Amino acid sequence: MMFKKGDRVKWEWEGQIHYGTVLRKTRDQAKVVEDGCVDEQWHLNMSRIQHSDRPLPTDTIKTSMDAYSIRTFHKVGVGSDGFMYTGKIFKDNKHVLDIVDDGGGGPLLFHRVKKDDDKSLDEFFAAIKEWWHAMGGDAETHEPEGLWVDWQVNERQYGVTGKDYVTRHLQRMEELMARHKVPK
């Protein structure tokens, strides 16, 4: 069977069926990301996997952010403290904001597409706040919009739900604070 990046697949391992998405392939091997587990990447012989029409896990919690999506997110260079990216945010399939990461170590920058559109940024940031809290974010966090972009670009397409992403982020922050004994 032939597979390509993005194909939905299934395989059996120790009596259990697993589902995932092909990340990349070589001649006879596929690197597959297991649904909901970006850190779980399997290297499987092509003969062990089959096509699957099982849909990706999705959030059951609905928020205003469901109307937003990111398209054309690209690495465009290297800055003084990391990679530089640009992207476009759409609301209800209409391009409303541009994203810029200048690679300087600071926050993502969001720019209105239309010069006189004062409400697009306000609506976006209000929806981000709603999403963060609905997904389990318990307190104000630093730059939830950057976390949403990270989830959209790097994890959502592999079946990581927003709730799982936020929960894992909060757990990592707790572990980091405990390790460094940072007071809350």
Protein backbone atom coordinates (compact mmCIF):
# COMPACT_ATOMS: atom_id res chain seq x y z
CA MET A 1 0.00 0.00 0.00
CA MET A 2 1.08 3.55 -0.66
CA PHE A 3 0.79 6.22 1.99
CA LYS A 4 1.59 9.91 2.02
CA LYS A 5 1.99 12.60 4.65
CA GLY A 6 -1.34 13.35 6.33
CA ASP A 7 -2.96 9.97 5.60
CA ARG A 8 -5.06 8.49 8.41
CA VAL A 9 -3.87 4.99 9.32
CA LYS A 10 -4.38 2.20 11.82
CA TRP A 11 -2.17 -0.62 13.06
CA GLU A 12 -2.24 -3.38 15.62
CA TRP A 13 0.26 -3.58 18.48
CA GLU A 14 0.13 -6.13 21.27
CA GLY A 15 -3.51 -6.92 20.61
CA GLN A 16 -4.69 -3.28 20.48
CA ILE A 17 -5.67 -1.19 17.47
CA HIS A 18 -3.96 2.21 17.30
CA TYR A 19 -4.88 5.14 15.05
CA GLY A 20 -2.72 7.95 13.77
CA THR A 21 -1.57 10.24 11.00
CA VAL A 22 1.42 9.71 8.72
CA LEU A 23 4.05 12.34 9.49
CA ARG A 24 6.51 11.20 6.82
CA LYS A 25 7.54 8.10 4.98
CA THR A 26 10.53 6.49 3.36
CA ARG A 27 10.48 3.60 0.93
CA ASP A 28 9.22 0.96 3.35
CA GLN A 29 8.80 2.81 6.66
CA ALA A 30 6.30 5.37 7.93
CA LYS A 31 6.68 7.72 10.87
CA VAL A 32 3.20 7.95 12.37
CA VAL A 33 1.89 10.24 15.11
CA GLU A 34 -0.61 8.42 17.30
CA ASP A 35 -3.93 10.25 17.75
CA GLY A 36 -3.81 12.68 20.65
CA CYS A 37 -0.15 11.97 21.41
CA VAL A 38 2.23 14.24 19.50
CA ASP A 39 5.07 12.81 21.58
CA GLU A 40 4.08 9.24 20.54
CA GLN A 41 5.67 8.76 17.13
CA TRP A 42 5.84 5.26 15.76
CA HIS A 43 8.25 3.99 13.11
CA LEU A 44 6.29 1.28 11.32
CA ASN A 45 6.91 -0.91 8.34
CA MET A 46 4.41 -0.06 5.59
CA SER A 47 3.15 -3.64 5.61
CA ARG A 48 1.91 -3.17 9.22
CA ILE A 49 -0.37 -0.19 8.58
CA GLN A 50 -3.72 0.17 6.86
CA HIS A 51 -5.74 3.15 5.71
CA SER A 52 -8.32 4.36 8.22
CA ASP A 53 -11.37 6.57 7.86
CA ARG A 54 -11.66 7.08 11.61
CA PRO A 55 -11.93 10.84 12.26
CA LEU A 56 -9.48 12.66 14.50
CA PRO A 57 -10.56 13.33 18.09
CA THR A 58 -12.09 16.79 18.40
CA ASP A 59 -13.12 19.08 21.22
CA THR A 60 -16.64 18.65 22.53
CA ILE A 61 -16.48 22.07 24.22
CA LYS A 62 -17.60 24.80 21.83
CA THR A 63 -16.20 28.34 22.05
CA SER A 64 -16.02 31.47 19.92
CA MET A 65 -12.55 30.32 18.79
CA ASP A 66 -14.20 27.57 16.73
CA ALA A 67 -14.81 30.25 14.09
CA TYR A 68 -11.06 30.90 13.78
CA SER A 69 -8.40 29.00 11.88
CA ILE A 70 -4.80 29.51 10.82
CA ARG A 71 -3.64 29.16 7.25
CA THR A 72 -0.33 29.61 5.51
CA PHE A 73 1.83 29.48 8.65
CA HIS A 74 5.42 29.45 7.37
CA LYS A 75 8.94 29.71 8.68
CA VAL A 76 10.52 32.65 6.88
CA GLY A 77 13.94 32.99 8.46
CA VAL A 78 15.98 33.05 11.63
CA GLY A 79 15.91 35.89 14.14
CA SER A 80 18.17 36.69 17.07
CA ASP A 81 16.37 34.22 19.38
CA GLY A 82 14.65 31.67 17.15
CA PHE A 83 12.83 31.12 13.92
CA MET A 84 10.73 33.80 12.24
CA TYR A 85 7.18 32.91 11.14
CA THR A 86 4.26 34.50 9.38
CA GLY A 87 0.69 33.31 9.10
CA LYS A 88 -2.88 34.29 8.45
CA ILE A 89 -5.86 33.98 10.80
CA PHE A 90 -9.30 33.49 9.32
CA LYS A 91 -12.65 33.96 11.02
CA ASP A 92 -15.55 32.21 9.32
CA ASN A 93 -13.28 31.71 6.26
CA LYS A 94 -12.51 35.46 6.02
CA HIS A 95 -8.91 36.66 6.43
CA VAL A 96 -9.00 39.00 9.45
CA LEU A 97 -5.52 38.99 11.06
CA ASP A 98 -1.89 38.37 10.22
CA ILE A 99 0.55 36.69 12.62
CA VAL A 100 4.23 37.61 12.84
CA ASP A 101 6.90 36.02 15.00
CA ASP A 102 10.04 38.09 14.50
CA GLY A 103 12.32 35.48 16.09
CA GLY A 104 13.43 37.95 18.74
CA GLY A 105 12.16 36.01 21.75
CA GLY A 106 9.12 38.18 22.38
CA PRO A 107 5.43 37.42 21.92
CA LEU A 108 3.69 36.77 18.64
CA LEU A 109 2.44 39.90 16.94
CA PHE A 110 -1.08 40.11 15.54
CA HIS A 111 -1.99 42.70 12.89
CA ARG A 112 -5.35 43.70 11.47
CA VAL A 113 -5.77 43.06 7.75
CA LYS A 114 -7.93 46.15 7.25
CA LYS A 115 -6.53 49.42 8.58
CA ASP A 116 -9.86 50.70 9.96
CA ASP A 117 -10.96 47.38 11.47
CA ASP A 118 -10.72 48.13 15.18
CA LYS A 119 -12.88 45.24 16.36
CA SER A 120 -11.08 42.23 14.78
CA LEU A 121 -8.25 42.25 17.35
CA ASP A 122 -10.62 42.83 20.28
CA GLU A 123 -12.90 39.99 19.18
CA PHE A 124 -9.94 37.66 18.66
CA PHE A 125 -8.42 38.33 22.09
CA ALA A 126 -11.83 38.00 23.80
CA ALA A 127 -12.39 34.68 22.03
CA ILE A 128 -8.89 33.48 23.03
CA LYS A 129 -9.63 34.26 26.68
CA GLU A 130 -12.93 32.38 26.46
CA TRP A 131 -11.18 29.39 24.79
CA TRP A 132 -8.44 29.30 27.43
CA HIS A 133 -10.90 29.21 30.32
CA ALA A 134 -13.26 26.73 28.61
CA MET A 135 -10.37 24.33 27.99
CA GLY A 136 -9.40 24.35 31.66
CA GLY A 137 -7.07 27.30 31.97
CA ASP A 138 -7.64 28.18 35.62
CA ALA A 139 -5.87 31.52 35.88
CA GLU A 140 -4.65 34.23 33.61
CA THR A 141 -1.77 32.84 31.65
CA HIS A 142 0.95 34.61 29.81
CA GLU A 143 0.10 34.84 26.10
CA PRO A 144 -2.74 32.32 25.64
CA GLU A 145 -2.91 33.49 22.02
CA GLY A 146 0.59 32.08 21.44
CA LEU A 147 -0.47 28.79 23.02
CA TRP A 148 -3.55 28.65 20.76
CA VAL A 149 -1.35 29.24 17.70
CA ASP A 150 1.06 26.50 18.84
CA TRP A 151 -1.84 24.08 19.31
CA GLN A 152 -3.38 24.95 15.93
CA VAL A 153 -0.11 24.67 14.02
CA ASN A 154 1.64 21.79 15.78
CA GLU A 155 -0.87 19.53 17.54
CA ARG A 156 -4.49 19.86 16.51
CA GLN A 157 -3.93 18.05 13.20
CA TYR A 158 -2.73 15.03 15.21
CA GLY A 159 -5.88 14.72 17.29
CA VAL A 160 -4.74 16.66 20.37
CA THR A 161 -7.83 18.42 21.67
CA GLY A 162 -7.67 21.94 23.05
CA LYS A 163 -8.57 20.61 26.48
CA ASP A 164 -5.74 18.05 26.38
CA TYR A 165 -3.29 20.68 25.14
CA VAL A 166 -4.18 23.16 27.92
CA THR A 167 -4.14 20.44 30.59
CA ARG A 168 -0.69 19.27 29.49
CA HIS A 169 0.60 22.86 29.37
CA LEU A 170 -0.61 23.55 32.90
CA GLN A 171 0.96 20.32 34.16
CA ARG A 172 4.29 21.25 32.57
CA MET A 173 4.17 24.69 34.19
CA GLU A 174 3.43 23.14 37.60
CA GLU A 175 6.37 20.74 37.20
CA LEU A 176 8.65 23.58 36.12
CA MET A 177 7.62 25.76 39.04
CA ALA A 178 8.08 22.88 41.50
CA ARG A 179 11.49 22.02 40.07
CA HIS A 180 12.67 25.60 40.39
CA LYS A 181 10.69 26.28 43.57
CA VAL A 182 9.04 29.32 42.05
CA PRO A 183 6.40 30.73 44.42
CA LYS A 184 2.90 30.89 42.94
